[in-house]
């Protein structure tokens, strides 16, 4: 495995680009390949068997493109499939879990909210994490339709605004002081969320922590790239317009059948 090989990332669509941005900012010398399985989004409403099958498919594509480590840039895929991936393949995998721990340790009201997909909230890994903080009330909310609206380019629609109000205001009424975003699509909604919830409620997502863990894993495995030869490839199996807007004109998003 060459140090110059790329970092692979996959998600059930464009949301994981929020993770990619954090990784790219912290590790500018690393090449990346990003796989957006938008055709099958959202993973959160699929069975665990389907999620594992899709995660294996994505992993195989990234391995065929010589990725040295893989970031599972999807909370649902992490909580449902990463154990299988780690048991099946020899390269390091980095997962995305809802940031329950920092919220639970810092809350003053002993009440935190989590907005996530059904697949994440139903997973055994999520429930194991929550069980570690029995003195904290975790107010759970499934973000029905949020991923679909983002994927379809309707992020700033009236429907999105109304859904966010429906999901967030009951949490506010419960007295939460931390809101955990448990889906990599959701950081793109932070500007809208901030207009709905009071200023004192802190919003936490996993992006920065994942970037730091990626750097650590590269260093531990002697895979850190010191070369200045860098490339970034983005592939999506749906029309690329929405993803192109999110990653910016400096990078090209290609359509690929997979």
C-alpha atoms as a PDB file:
ATOM      1  CA  UNK A   1       0.000   0.000   0.000  1.00  0.00           C
ATOM      2  CA  UNK A   2       1.518   3.296  -1.128  1.00  0.00           C
ATOM      3  CA  UNK A   3       1.297   6.416   1.021  1.00  0.00           C
ATOM      4  CA  UNK A   4       0.259   8.258  -2.138  1.00  0.00           C
ATOM      5  CA  UNK A   5      -2.877   6.144  -2.475  1.00  0.00           C
ATOM      6  CA  UNK A   6      -6.131   8.022  -1.873  1.00  0.00           C
ATOM      7  CA  UNK A   7      -8.456   8.073   1.118  1.00  0.00           C
ATOM      8  CA  UNK A   8     -11.819   6.587   0.129  1.00  0.00           C
ATOM      9  CA  UNK A   9     -15.141   7.894   1.398  1.00  0.00           C
ATOM     10  CA  UNK A  10     -18.680   6.696   0.735  1.00  0.00           C
ATOM     11  CA  UNK A  11     -22.137   7.829   1.751  1.00  0.00           C
ATOM     12  CA  UNK A  12     -25.732   7.224   0.758  1.00  0.00           C
ATOM     13  CA  UNK A  13     -25.503  10.436  -1.244  1.00  0.00           C
ATOM     14  CA  UNK A  14     -24.095  13.950  -1.020  1.00  0.00           C
ATOM     15  CA  UNK A  15     -24.205  14.375   2.767  1.00  0.00           C
ATOM     16  CA  UNK A  16     -20.798  12.856   3.424  1.00  0.00           C
ATOM     17  CA  UNK A  17     -19.217  15.752   1.561  1.00  0.00           C
ATOM     18  CA  UNK A  18     -19.591  17.579   4.887  1.00  0.00           C
ATOM     19  CA  UNK A  19     -17.120  15.011   6.271  1.00  0.00           C
ATOM     20  CA  UNK A  20     -14.913  15.245   3.172  1.00  0.00           C
ATOM     21  CA  UNK A  21     -14.573  19.019   3.674  1.00  0.00           C
ATOM     22  CA  UNK A  22     -13.301  18.547   7.233  1.00  0.00           C
ATOM     23  CA  UNK A  23     -10.861  15.823   6.137  1.00  0.00           C
ATOM     24  CA  UNK A  24      -9.588  17.894   3.211  1.00  0.00           C
ATOM     25  CA  UNK A  25      -9.123  20.968   5.436  1.00  0.00           C
ATOM     26  CA  UNK A  26      -7.062  19.028   7.997  1.00  0.00           C
ATOM     27  CA  UNK A  27      -5.191  16.830   5.497  1.00  0.00           C
ATOM     28  CA  UNK A  28      -4.600  18.912   2.359  1.00  0.00           C
ATOM     29  CA  UNK A  29      -1.792  16.580   1.187  1.00  0.00           C
ATOM     30  CA  UNK A  30      -4.115  13.572   0.957  1.00  0.00           C
ATOM     31  CA  UNK A  31      -5.823  12.503  -2.265  1.00  0.00           C
ATOM     32  CA  UNK A  32      -9.451  11.403  -1.972  1.00  0.00           C
ATOM     33  CA  UNK A  33     -12.097   9.434  -3.830  1.00  0.00           C
ATOM     34  CA  UNK A  34     -15.697  10.114  -2.803  1.00  0.00           C
ATOM     35  CA  UNK A  35     -18.569   7.801  -3.718  1.00  0.00           C
ATOM     36  CA  UNK A  36     -22.146   9.108  -3.472  1.00  0.00           C
ATOM     37  CA  UNK A  37     -24.710   6.306  -3.667  1.00  0.00           C
ATOM     38  CA  UNK A  38     -27.582   8.755  -4.158  1.00  0.00           C
ATOM     39  CA  UNK A  39     -29.565   6.255  -6.200  1.00  0.00           C
ATOM     40  CA  UNK A  40     -30.097   4.252  -3.009  1.00  0.00           C
ATOM     41  CA  UNK A  41     -30.551   7.179  -0.594  1.00  0.00           C
ATOM     42  CA  UNK A  42     -31.559   7.234   2.142  1.00  0.00           C
ATOM     43  CA  UNK A  43     -29.952   4.189   3.755  1.00  0.00           C
ATOM     44  CA  UNK A  44     -31.800   5.017   6.972  1.00  0.00           C
ATOM     45  CA  UNK A  45     -35.036   3.375   5.818  1.00  0.00           C
ATOM     46  CA  UNK A  46     -33.444   0.148   4.581  1.00  0.00           C
ATOM     47  CA  UNK A  47     -32.937  -3.148   6.428  1.00  0.00           C
ATOM     48  CA  UNK A  48     -29.581  -3.931   8.008  1.00  0.00           C
ATOM     49  CA  UNK A  49     -28.999  -6.611   5.368  1.00  0.00           C
ATOM     50  CA  UNK A  50     -29.516  -4.090   2.568  1.00  0.00           C
ATOM     51  CA  UNK A  51     -27.229  -1.545   4.257  1.00  0.00           C
ATOM     52  CA  UNK A  52     -24.467  -4.140   4.646  1.00  0.00           C
ATOM     53  CA  UNK A  53     -24.844  -5.196   1.015  1.00  0.00           C
ATOM     54  CA  UNK A  54     -24.620  -1.604  -0.245  1.00  0.00           C
ATOM     55  CA  UNK A  55     -21.671  -0.854   2.050  1.00  0.00           C
ATOM     56  CA  UNK A  56     -19.772  -3.864   0.707  1.00  0.00           C
ATOM     57  CA  UNK A  57     -20.504  -2.770  -2.870  1.00  0.00           C
ATOM     58  CA  UNK A  58     -19.175   0.739  -2.171  1.00  0.00           C
ATOM     59  CA  UNK A  59     -16.126  -0.638  -0.367  1.00  0.00           C
ATOM     60  CA  UNK A  60     -15.266  -2.915  -3.295  1.00  0.00           C
ATOM     61  CA  UNK A  61     -15.363   0.032  -5.712  1.00  0.00           C
ATOM     62  CA  UNK A  62     -13.056   2.091  -3.492  1.00  0.00           C
ATOM     63  CA  UNK A  63     -10.658  -0.837  -3.015  1.00  0.00           C
ATOM     64  CA  UNK A  64     -10.559  -1.350  -6.789  1.00  0.00           C
ATOM     65  CA  UNK A  65      -9.414   2.277  -6.960  1.00  0.00           C
ATOM     66  CA  UNK A  66      -6.537   1.542  -4.549  1.00  0.00           C
ATOM     67  CA  UNK A  67      -7.817   3.430  -1.512  1.00  0.00           C
ATOM     68  CA  UNK A  68      -5.533   3.015   1.516  1.00  0.00           C
ATOM     69  CA  UNK A  69      -8.207   3.657   4.148  1.00  0.00           C
ATOM     70  CA  UNK A  70     -11.990   4.067   3.917  1.00  0.00           C
ATOM     71  CA  UNK A  71     -14.171   6.542   5.759  1.00  0.00           C
ATOM     72  CA  UNK A  72     -17.747   5.318   6.066  1.00  0.00           C
ATOM     73  CA  UNK A  73     -19.138   8.852   5.776  1.00  0.00           C
ATOM     74  CA  UNK A  74     -22.634   7.771   6.728  1.00  0.00           C
ATOM     75  CA  UNK A  75     -24.012   7.321  10.242  1.00  0.00           C
ATOM     76  CA  UNK A  76     -26.470   4.634   9.158  1.00  0.00           C
ATOM     77  CA  UNK A  77     -23.843   2.577   7.325  1.00  0.00           C
ATOM     78  CA  UNK A  78     -21.438   2.906  10.258  1.00  0.00           C
ATOM     79  CA  UNK A  79     -23.900   1.804  12.907  1.00  0.00           C
ATOM     80  CA  UNK A  80     -25.210  -1.096  10.804  1.00  0.00           C
ATOM     81  CA  UNK A  81     -22.298  -2.318   8.690  1.00  0.00           C
ATOM     82  CA  UNK A  82     -18.858  -1.261   9.914  1.00  0.00           C
ATOM     83  CA  UNK A  83     -18.297  -4.382  12.053  1.00  0.00           C
ATOM     84  CA  UNK A  84     -18.833  -6.533   8.971  1.00  0.00           C
ATOM     85  CA  UNK A  85     -16.541  -4.339   6.857  1.00  0.00           C
ATOM     86  CA  UNK A  86     -13.745  -4.490   9.438  1.00  0.00           C
ATOM     87  CA  UNK A  87     -14.089  -8.254   9.715  1.00  0.00           C
ATOM     88  CA  UNK A  88     -14.052  -8.701   5.932  1.00  0.00           C
ATOM     89  CA  UNK A  89     -11.294  -6.347   4.748  1.00  0.00           C
ATOM     90  CA  UNK A  90      -7.784  -5.719   6.031  1.00  0.00           C
ATOM     91  CA  UNK A  91      -7.527  -1.949   5.508  1.00  0.00           C
ATOM     92  CA  UNK A  92      -8.523   0.537   8.247  1.00  0.00           C
ATOM     93  CA  UNK A  93     -12.125   1.788   8.347  1.00  0.00           C
ATOM     94  CA  UNK A  94     -13.198   4.996  10.057  1.00  0.00           C
ATOM     95  CA  UNK A  95     -16.843   5.293  11.017  1.00  0.00           C
ATOM     96  CA  UNK A  96     -19.228   8.133  11.758  1.00  0.00           C
ATOM     97  CA  UNK A  97     -21.210   7.914  14.979  1.00  0.00           C
ATOM     98  CA  UNK A  98     -23.554  10.525  16.433  1.00  0.00           C
ATOM     99  CA  UNK A  99     -21.598  12.705  18.877  1.00  0.00           C
ATOM    100  CA  UNK A 100     -23.621  11.611  21.912  1.00  0.00           C
ATOM    101  CA  UNK A 101     -20.572  11.499  24.202  1.00  0.00           C
ATOM    102  CA  UNK A 102     -19.517  15.196  24.061  1.00  0.00           C
ATOM    103  CA  UNK A 103     -23.133  16.325  24.314  1.00  0.00           C
ATOM    104  CA  UNK A 104     -23.861  14.025  27.277  1.00  0.00           C
ATOM    105  CA  UNK A 105     -20.692  15.100  29.107  1.00  0.00           C
ATOM    106  CA  UNK A 106     -21.294  18.829  28.623  1.00  0.00           C
ATOM    107  CA  UNK A 107     -25.067  19.176  29.038  1.00  0.00           C
ATOM    108  CA  UNK A 108     -26.218  21.343  31.944  1.00  0.00           C
ATOM    109  CA  UNK A 109     -29.927  20.500  31.649  1.00  0.00           C
ATOM    110  CA  UNK A 110     -29.222  16.723  31.428  1.00  0.00           C
ATOM    111  CA  UNK A 111     -31.320  16.743  28.251  1.00  0.00           C
ATOM    112  CA  UNK A 112     -29.884  16.472  24.745  1.00  0.00           C
ATOM    113  CA  UNK A 113     -31.590  16.094  21.388  1.00  0.00           C
ATOM    114  CA  UNK A 114     -30.556  13.950  18.454  1.00  0.00           C
ATOM    115  CA  UNK A 115     -31.819  14.327  14.906  1.00  0.00           C
ATOM    116  CA  UNK A 116     -30.930  11.239  12.881  1.00  0.00           C
ATOM    117  CA  UNK A 117     -32.179   8.665  10.407  1.00  0.00           C
ATOM    118  CA  UNK A 118     -34.376   5.747  11.428  1.00  0.00           C
ATOM    119  CA  UNK A 119     -31.539   3.330  10.649  1.00  0.00           C
ATOM    120  CA  UNK A 120     -29.172   5.074  13.037  1.00  0.00           C
ATOM    121  CA  UNK A 121     -31.652   5.460  15.893  1.00  0.00           C
ATOM    122  CA  UNK A 122     -32.744   1.827  15.607  1.00  0.00           C
ATOM    123  CA  UNK A 123     -29.211   0.422  15.574  1.00  0.00           C
ATOM    124  CA  UNK A 124     -27.695  -1.580  18.412  1.00  0.00           C
ATOM    125  CA  UNK A 125     -24.573   0.589  18.395  1.00  0.00           C
ATOM    126  CA  UNK A 126     -26.604   3.748  18.981  1.00  0.00           C
ATOM    127  CA  UNK A 127     -28.498   2.186  21.892  1.00  0.00           C
ATOM    128  CA  UNK A 128     -25.257   0.917  23.425  1.00  0.00           C
ATOM    129  CA  UNK A 129     -23.845   4.445  23.311  1.00  0.00           C
ATOM    130  CA  UNK A 130     -26.936   6.035  24.836  1.00  0.00           C
ATOM    131  CA  UNK A 131     -26.962   3.427  27.623  1.00  0.00           C
ATOM    132  CA  UNK A 132     -23.572   4.708  28.813  1.00  0.00           C
ATOM    133  CA  UNK A 133     -25.210   7.990  29.883  1.00  0.00           C
ATOM    134  CA  UNK A 134     -28.237   6.866  31.848  1.00  0.00           C
ATOM    135  CA  UNK A 135     -28.380  10.149  33.780  1.00  0.00           C
ATOM    136  CA  UNK A 136     -29.001  12.094  30.557  1.00  0.00           C
ATOM    137  CA  UNK A 137     -32.352  12.191  28.778  1.00  0.00           C
ATOM    138  CA  UNK A 138     -31.833  11.746  25.037  1.00  0.00           C
ATOM    139  CA  UNK A 139     -34.707  13.165  23.000  1.00  0.00           C
ATOM    140  CA  UNK A 140     -34.699  11.259  19.703  1.00  0.00           C
ATOM    141  CA  UNK A 141     -36.205  12.479  16.437  1.00  0.00           C
ATOM    142  CA  UNK A 142     -36.150  10.731  13.080  1.00  0.00           C
ATOM    143  CA  UNK A 143     -35.482  13.230  10.292  1.00  0.00           C
ATOM    144  CA  UNK A 144     -38.087  11.888   7.885  1.00  0.00           C
ATOM    145  CA  UNK A 145     -37.638  13.268   4.315  1.00  0.00           C
ATOM    146  CA  UNK A 146     -34.709  15.570   5.161  1.00  0.00           C
ATOM    147  CA  UNK A 147     -32.174  13.509   3.206  1.00  0.00           C
ATOM    148  CA  UNK A 148     -34.508  13.212   0.213  1.00  0.00           C
ATOM    149  CA  UNK A 149     -35.058  16.978   0.128  1.00  0.00           C
ATOM    150  CA  UNK A 150     -31.309  17.667   0.244  1.00  0.00           C
ATOM    151  CA  UNK A 151     -30.619  15.065  -2.455  1.00  0.00           C
ATOM    152  CA  UNK A 152     -33.309  16.550  -4.717  1.00  0.00           C
ATOM    153  CA  UNK A 153     -31.989  20.108  -4.413  1.00  0.00           C
ATOM    154  CA  UNK A 154     -34.835  21.292  -2.182  1.00  0.00           C
ATOM    155  CA  UNK A 155     -32.639  22.133   0.819  1.00  0.00           C
ATOM    156  CA  UNK A 156     -34.020  25.663   1.098  1.00  0.00           C
ATOM    157  CA  UNK A 157     -37.655  24.821   0.355  1.00  0.00           C
ATOM    158  CA  UNK A 158     -40.649  25.767   2.478  1.00  0.00           C
ATOM    159  CA  UNK A 159     -41.234  22.079   3.124  1.00  0.00           C
ATOM    160  CA  UNK A 160     -37.731  21.762   4.609  1.00  0.00           C
ATOM    161  CA  UNK A 161     -38.329  24.741   6.880  1.00  0.00           C
ATOM    162  CA  UNK A 162     -41.631  23.302   8.098  1.00  0.00           C
ATOM    163  CA  UNK A 163     -40.184  19.827   8.718  1.00  0.00           C
ATOM    164  CA  UNK A 164     -37.288  21.282  10.705  1.00  0.00           C
ATOM    165  CA  UNK A 165     -39.721  23.252  12.858  1.00  0.00           C
ATOM    166  CA  UNK A 166     -41.843  20.137  13.402  1.00  0.00           C
ATOM    167  CA  UNK A 167     -38.800  18.130  14.468  1.00  0.00           C
ATOM    168  CA  UNK A 168     -36.856  20.715  16.471  1.00  0.00           C
ATOM    169  CA  UNK A 169     -39.409  22.762  18.397  1.00  0.00           C
ATOM    170  CA  UNK A 170     -40.622  19.797  20.522  1.00  0.00           C
ATOM    171  CA  UNK A 171     -36.974  19.209  21.499  1.00  0.00           C
ATOM    172  CA  UNK A 172     -36.658  22.856  22.489  1.00  0.00           C
ATOM    173  CA  UNK A 173     -39.816  22.500  24.583  1.00  0.00           C
ATOM    174  CA  UNK A 174     -38.239  19.480  26.324  1.00  0.00           C
ATOM    175  CA  UNK A 175     -35.387  21.730  27.509  1.00  0.00           C
ATOM    176  CA  UNK A 176     -32.423  20.367  25.531  1.00  0.00           C
ATOM    177  CA  UNK A 177     -29.202  22.398  25.562  1.00  0.00           C
ATOM    178  CA  UNK A 178     -27.327  20.301  22.962  1.00  0.00           C
ATOM    179  CA  UNK A 179     -28.525  19.144  19.551  1.00  0.00           C
ATOM    180  CA  UNK A 180     -26.605  16.255  18.001  1.00  0.00           C
ATOM    181  CA  UNK A 181     -26.802  15.921  14.218  1.00  0.00           C
ATOM    182  CA  UNK A 182     -26.737  12.178  13.556  1.00  0.00           C
ATOM    183  CA  UNK A 183     -26.588  12.212   9.752  1.00  0.00           C
ATOM    184  CA  UNK A 184     -23.815  13.594   7.549  1.00  0.00           C
ATOM    185  CA  UNK A 185     -26.390  15.367   5.386  1.00  0.00           C
ATOM    186  CA  UNK A 186     -27.598  17.499   8.295  1.00  0.00           C
ATOM    187  CA  UNK A 187     -24.614  19.870   8.780  1.00  0.00           C
ATOM    188  CA  UNK A 188     -25.750  21.558   5.558  1.00  0.00           C
ATOM    189  CA  UNK A 189     -28.954  22.477   7.423  1.00  0.00           C
ATOM    190  CA  UNK A 190     -27.178  24.246  10.310  1.00  0.00           C
ATOM    191  CA  UNK A 191     -27.913  27.811   9.028  1.00  0.00           C
ATOM    192  CA  UNK A 192     -31.628  26.955   8.888  1.00  0.00           C
ATOM    193  CA  UNK A 193     -31.565  25.124  12.221  1.00  0.00           C
ATOM    194  CA  UNK A 194     -30.007  28.145  13.920  1.00  0.00           C
ATOM    195  CA  UNK A 195     -32.974  30.259  12.811  1.00  0.00           C
ATOM    196  CA  UNK A 196     -35.362  27.876  14.569  1.00  0.00           C
ATOM    197  CA  UNK A 197     -33.689  26.959  17.876  1.00  0.00           C
ATOM    198  CA  UNK A 198     -32.553  29.377  20.633  1.00  0.00           C
ATOM    199  CA  UNK A 199     -28.941  30.576  20.631  1.00  0.00           C
ATOM    200  CA  UNK A 200     -28.068  28.783  23.862  1.00  0.00           C
ATOM    201  CA  UNK A 201     -28.585  25.337  22.288  1.00  0.00           C
ATOM    202  CA  UNK A 202     -25.263  24.111  20.936  1.00  0.00           C
ATOM    203  CA  UNK A 203     -25.166  22.082  17.717  1.00  0.00           C
ATOM    204  CA  UNK A 204     -22.702  19.193  17.432  1.00  0.00           C
ATOM    205  CA  UNK A 205     -21.781  17.114  14.396  1.00  0.00           C
ATOM    206  CA  UNK A 206     -19.017  14.564  13.884  1.00  0.00           C
ATOM    207  CA  UNK A 207     -16.999  16.110  11.045  1.00  0.00           C
ATOM    208  CA  UNK A 208     -14.039  17.571  12.916  1.00  0.00           C
ATOM    209  CA  UNK A 209     -13.645  14.512  15.148  1.00  0.00           C
ATOM    210  CA  UNK A 210     -13.646  12.217  12.108  1.00  0.00           C
ATOM    211  CA  UNK A 211     -10.954  14.304  10.391  1.00  0.00           C
ATOM    212  CA  UNK A 212      -8.754  14.105  13.514  1.00  0.00           C
ATOM    213  CA  UNK A 213      -9.284  10.352  13.784  1.00  0.00           C
ATOM    214  CA  UNK A 214      -8.387   9.965  10.100  1.00  0.00           C
ATOM    215  CA  UNK A 215      -5.123  11.826  10.662  1.00  0.00           C
ATOM    216  CA  UNK A 216      -4.374   9.623  13.675  1.00  0.00           C
ATOM    217  CA  UNK A 217      -5.046   6.386  11.764  1.00  0.00           C
ATOM    218  CA  UNK A 218      -2.813   7.528   8.883  1.00  0.00           C
ATOM    219  CA  UNK A 219       0.025   8.285  11.277  1.00  0.00           C
ATOM    220  CA  UNK A 220      -0.309   5.040  13.260  1.00  0.00           C
ATOM    221  CA  UNK A 221      -0.274   2.984  10.056  1.00  0.00           C
ATOM    222  CA  UNK A 222       2.545   4.998   8.443  1.00  0.00           C
ATOM    223  CA  UNK A 223       0.223   5.964   5.580  1.00  0.00           C
ATOM    224  CA  UNK A 224       0.598   9.737   5.851  1.00  0.00           C
ATOM    225  CA  UNK A 225       1.240  11.310   2.431  1.00  0.00           C
ATOM    226  CA  UNK A 226       4.088  13.828   2.344  1.00  0.00           C
ATOM    227  CA  UNK A 227       3.938  14.201  -1.438  1.00  0.00           C
ATOM    228  CA  UNK A 228       2.420  17.261  -3.082  1.00  0.00           C
ATOM    229  CA  UNK A 229       0.864  15.112  -5.822  1.00  0.00           C
ATOM    230  CA  UNK A 230      -2.803  15.258  -4.886  1.00  0.00           C
ATOM    231  CA  UNK A 231      -6.063  14.508  -6.690  1.00  0.00           C
ATOM    232  CA  UNK A 232      -9.744  14.492  -5.690  1.00  0.00           C
ATOM    233  CA  UNK A 233     -12.369  12.412  -7.492  1.00  0.00           C
ATOM    234  CA  UNK A 234     -16.115  12.603  -6.871  1.00  0.00           C
ATOM    235  CA  UNK A 235     -18.552  10.041  -8.274  1.00  0.00           C
ATOM    236  CA  UNK A 236     -22.336   9.917  -8.009  1.00  0.00           C
ATOM    237  CA  UNK A 237     -24.917   7.552  -9.525  1.00  0.00           C
ATOM    238  CA  UNK A 238     -27.598  10.247  -9.871  1.00  0.00           C
ATOM    239  CA  UNK A 239     -27.458  13.602 -11.689  1.00  0.00           C
ATOM    240  CA  UNK A 240     -24.424  15.471 -10.253  1.00  0.00           C
ATOM    241  CA  UNK A 241     -25.915  18.989 -10.006  1.00  0.00           C
ATOM    242  CA  UNK A 242     -26.643  19.065  -6.249  1.00  0.00           C
ATOM    243  CA  UNK A 243     -23.311  17.522  -5.301  1.00  0.00           C
ATOM    244  CA  UNK A 244     -21.445  19.838  -7.657  1.00  0.00           C
ATOM    245  CA  UNK A 245     -23.010  22.823  -5.896  1.00  0.00           C
ATOM    246  CA  UNK A 246     -21.969  21.480  -2.480  1.00  0.00           C
ATOM    247  CA  UNK A 247     -18.318  20.747  -3.324  1.00  0.00           C
ATOM    248  CA  UNK A 248     -17.821  23.892  -5.406  1.00  0.00           C
ATOM    249  CA  UNK A 249     -16.510  24.627  -8.866  1.00  0.00           C
ATOM    250  CA  UNK A 250     -12.898  23.820  -7.920  1.00  0.00           C
ATOM    251  CA  UNK A 251     -13.750  20.106  -8.134  1.00  0.00           C
ATOM    252  CA  UNK A 252     -15.489  18.073 -10.822  1.00  0.00           C
ATOM    253  CA  UNK A 253     -18.272  15.658  -9.958  1.00  0.00           C
ATOM    254  CA  UNK A 254     -18.676  12.745 -12.391  1.00  0.00           C
ATOM    255  CA  UNK A 255     -21.700  10.550 -12.992  1.00  0.00           C
ATOM    256  CA  UNK A 256     -20.928   6.850 -12.650  1.00  0.00           C
ATOM    257  CA  UNK A 257     -23.146   3.775 -12.834  1.00  0.00           C
ATOM    258  CA  UNK A 258     -22.736   1.565  -9.773  1.00  0.00           C
END
